[in-house]
C-alpha atoms as a PDB file:
ATOM      1  CA  MET A   1      91.688 118.770 120.032  1.00  0.00           C
ATOM      2  CA  MET A   2      89.121 117.481 118.009  1.00  0.00           C
ATOM      3  CA  ASN A   3      86.240 119.708 116.331  1.00  0.00           C
ATOM      4  CA  LEU A   4      83.258 118.037 114.601  1.00  0.00           C
ATOM      5  CA  GLU A   5      80.672 119.903 112.392  1.00  0.00           C
ATOM      6  CA  VAL A   6      77.680 117.466 111.641  1.00  0.00           C
ATOM      7  CA  LEU A   7      74.780 117.741 109.168  1.00  0.00           C
ATOM      8  CA  LEU A   8      72.236 115.152 110.193  1.00  0.00           C
ATOM      9  CA  ASP A   9      69.516 113.792 107.699  1.00  0.00           C
ATOM     10  CA  TYR A  10      67.521 111.601 110.266  1.00  0.00           C
ATOM     11  CA  ASP A  11      64.965 110.445 107.501  1.00  0.00           C
ATOM     12  CA  ALA A  12      67.736 109.688 105.188  1.00  0.00           C
ATOM     13  CA  HIS A  13      69.850 108.010 107.796  1.00  0.00           C
ATOM     14  CA  ARG A  14      72.839 110.045 106.805  1.00  0.00           C
ATOM     15  CA  ALA A  15      75.480 112.302 108.335  1.00  0.00           C
ATOM     16  CA  GLU A  16      77.810 114.508 106.830  1.00  0.00           C
ATOM     17  CA  VAL A  17      80.938 115.300 108.946  1.00  0.00           C
ATOM     18  CA  ALA A  18      83.717 117.767 108.940  1.00  0.00           C
ATOM     19  CA  GLU A  19      86.375 117.011 111.292  1.00  0.00           C
ATOM     20  CA  THR A  20      89.283 118.972 112.368  1.00  0.00           C
ATOM     21  CA  ILE A  21      92.081 117.544 114.405  1.00  0.00           C
ATOM     22  CA  ILE A  22      95.010 119.392 116.070  1.00  0.00           C
ATOM     23  CA  TYR A  23      97.542 116.822 116.859  1.00  0.00           C
ATOM     24  CA  PRO A  24     100.159 117.581 119.310  1.00  0.00           C
ATOM     25  CA  ASN A  25     103.234 115.553 118.812  1.00  0.00           C
ATOM     26  CA  GLN A  26     104.322 114.307 122.356  1.00  0.00           C
ATOM     27  CA  THR A  27     106.055 111.061 121.278  1.00  0.00           C
ATOM     28  CA  GLY A  28     109.509 112.516 121.861  1.00  0.00           C
ATOM     29  CA  ILE A  29     110.338 111.924 118.071  1.00  0.00           C
ATOM     30  CA  PRO A  30     109.700 113.521 114.695  1.00  0.00           C
ATOM     31  CA  LEU A  31     106.881 112.062 112.782  1.00  0.00           C
ATOM     32  CA  THR A  32     106.263 111.616 109.248  1.00  0.00           C
ATOM     33  CA  TYR A  33     102.804 110.205 109.275  1.00  0.00           C
ATOM     34  CA  LEU A  34      99.821 109.665 111.518  1.00  0.00           C
ATOM     35  CA  VAL A  35      97.630 106.878 111.785  1.00  0.00           C
ATOM     36  CA  LEU A  36      94.146 107.295 112.736  1.00  0.00           C
ATOM     37  CA  ALA A  37      91.255 104.774 113.874  1.00  0.00           C
ATOM     38  CA  ILE A  38      88.208 104.932 111.725  1.00  0.00           C
ATOM     39  CA  GLU A  39      85.802 102.849 113.652  1.00  0.00           C
ATOM     40  CA  SER A  40      82.493 103.553 111.414  1.00  0.00           C
ATOM     41  CA  ASN A  41      84.440 101.705 108.583  1.00  0.00           C
ATOM     42  CA  PHE A  42      83.565  98.486 110.631  1.00  0.00           C
ATOM     43  CA  TRP A  43      80.272  98.775 108.697  1.00  0.00           C
ATOM     44  CA  PRO A  44      80.407  98.859 104.965  1.00  0.00           C
ATOM     45  CA  GLY A  45      79.290 101.772 103.388  1.00  0.00           C
ATOM     46  CA  ALA A  46      79.280 103.665 106.472  1.00  0.00           C
ATOM     47  CA  PHE A  47      82.360 105.951 105.893  1.00  0.00           C
ATOM     48  CA  ASN A  48      83.198 107.927 102.768  1.00  0.00           C
ATOM     49  CA  LEU A  49      85.947 110.303 102.717  1.00  0.00           C
ATOM     50  CA  VAL A  50      85.664 113.102 100.366  1.00  0.00           C
ATOM     51  CA  SER A  51      88.903 114.886 101.096  1.00  0.00           C
ATOM     52  CA  ALA A  52      91.633 115.442 103.573  1.00  0.00           C
ATOM     53  CA  SER A  53      94.348 118.127 104.425  1.00  0.00           C
ATOM     54  CA  VAL A  54      97.195 118.838 106.896  1.00  0.00           C
ATOM     55  CA  ASP A  55      97.591 122.548 107.688  1.00  0.00           C
ATOM     56  CA  GLY A  56      95.497 123.324 104.288  1.00  0.00           C
ATOM     57  CA  ILE A  57      97.698 121.140 102.172  1.00  0.00           C
ATOM     58  CA  PRO A  58      95.796 118.286 100.363  1.00  0.00           C
ATOM     59  CA  VAL A  59      96.738 114.888 100.969  1.00  0.00           C
ATOM     60  CA  THR A  60      95.741 111.499 100.108  1.00  0.00           C
ATOM     61  CA  PRO A  61      95.543 109.041 102.888  1.00  0.00           C
ATOM     62  CA  ILE A  62      95.780 105.511 102.753  1.00  0.00           C
ATOM     63  CA  LEU A  63      92.732 103.644 104.050  1.00  0.00           C
ATOM     64  CA  ASP A  64      93.287 100.081 105.257  1.00  0.00           C
ATOM     65  CA  GLU A  65      90.273  98.448 106.698  1.00  0.00           C
ATOM     66  CA  GLN A  66      89.563 100.523 110.204  1.00  0.00           C
ATOM     67  CA  TYR A  67      92.679 102.552 110.032  1.00  0.00           C
ATOM     68  CA  MET A  68      93.724 105.466 107.907  1.00  0.00           C
ATOM     69  CA  GLU A  69      97.425 106.596 107.526  1.00  0.00           C
ATOM     70  CA  ILE A  70      98.246 110.214 106.690  1.00  0.00           C
ATOM     71  CA  GLN A  71     101.543 110.997 105.134  1.00  0.00           C
ATOM     72  CA  LEU A  72     102.426 114.706 106.473  1.00  0.00           C
ATOM     73  CA  PRO A  73     103.992 117.162 104.151  1.00  0.00           C
ATOM     74  CA  GLN A  74     106.323 118.122 106.448  1.00  0.00           C
ATOM     75  CA  VAL A  75     107.963 116.495 109.557  1.00  0.00           C
ATOM     76  CA  LEU A  76     105.935 117.070 112.396  1.00  0.00           C
ATOM     77  CA  GLN A  77     108.840 117.811 115.294  1.00  0.00           C
ATOM     78  CA  PRO A  78     108.298 116.865 119.061  1.00  0.00           C
ATOM     79  CA  GLU A  79     106.265 119.272 121.251  1.00  0.00           C
ATOM     80  CA  SER A  80     104.886 120.576 117.715  1.00  0.00           C
ATOM     81  CA  SER A  81     101.190 120.544 116.576  1.00  0.00           C
ATOM     82  CA  THR A  82      99.736 120.084 113.065  1.00  0.00           C
END
C-alpha cells in the first residue's frame, strides 16, 4: 500500500511529496533491506530525499542512480509488513 501527500507549486514547477509505503513481505524469506525504484531520478535535480524512516526509526538509504536501497532496522520476516 502507498499513500502520497503532495504539495504542488505549479508556478515554480515544484512538488513536495511525503510518501508512506506499507510493504508486505511475500517473498517467503526474511528480508534485511528493500530496494525501491526512483524513476524521477532519471532527470537531474528532479529528486531530493530529505528524510527516510522505517516504522518511525530514521534510516539512511543508499541512492544509486534510479534505485534506493533501504537497510531495515530489523529483519522483516515472511508474511510480515513494515
